[in-house]
Amino acid sequence: MITRPVSFSFTIVISMALTAMVNAADDVTLPEPSSAEYCQLVQQLMADTSLVSDNTLFTDMPAYRHSKPMVDPLQTFQVVSYQGTLPIMVSCKIKGAAHVRAAYGEAAAGEQTYCPSITQLAQQQAVDELKAAGNEAAAAIASALVIDNTEPGMTGQSYLADFELSYVDEDKAVHLSSPGLFHDYDSWITWILPETLEGQVYCHLPTVAYMKGLATGELSPGTLMTTAADAPVQPY
């Protein structure tokens, strides 16, 4: 059974941070999902940093599953999930703002934001691209997509669990999921964690192309995502 846990207290926190990030990133265009620049930009946006990571784009899921981002040097990791030839999700492993500040100084990073903040940017990009193509009806549908402010998990097991990238609620609204993992480096728990687990931020992010597919009717909501070894991480 697929669950969709949403913390309402977390929703308030994330909404404030999300609004601030989106306002500061009005001119940001997300790269193509198949570009290694994608998770580099996610790192910069979510930690509010100008540092550019050394990002590795994997083409097999097991390698991504076992990867662990590092802060010094700043190393991040990425894998893309496909439906046929369409990239529908980008998964990123990056470092949190607090860990970046600890490594590079207080001015190196700003306020931490969370996975749904990137999904909101992708949604606006999808709307803009559909409008530019003259498809106002699909743009309106894309604009109405509901982005869940799902609280990130704290374990790798929760991040790697199967989930629905989109789903339809009882009111027929289509929701987008952006599950992730977050460890606050400033938390007391850092003292008891292995170094490889400190300050980690992981995201599964629906793509602009996926949202446009939902809006045009080329795709149907309810896409089940997996991080199993045979996950489709190359076009087929």
Foldseek 3Di string as FASTA:
>chain_A
DADFAADPVLVVVQVVVLVVLCVVCVPDDADPLVDQVRLQVVQCSQFVFPDGAQEEEDQFLVVVLPDFADVVVGYKYWFFFDDAQHGWKIKIKGFHNQVNCVVPNPVGTDDGHAQLSVQVVLLVVLLVVCVVVVNNQLSVLSVQEAEGSHDEAADSVVVQDKHFQWDADPVRHIYGYKYKHADDLPDPCVVVDDPRSHRMIMIMYTHSRNSSCCSVVVDPGGDIAGSDRPGRRHRD
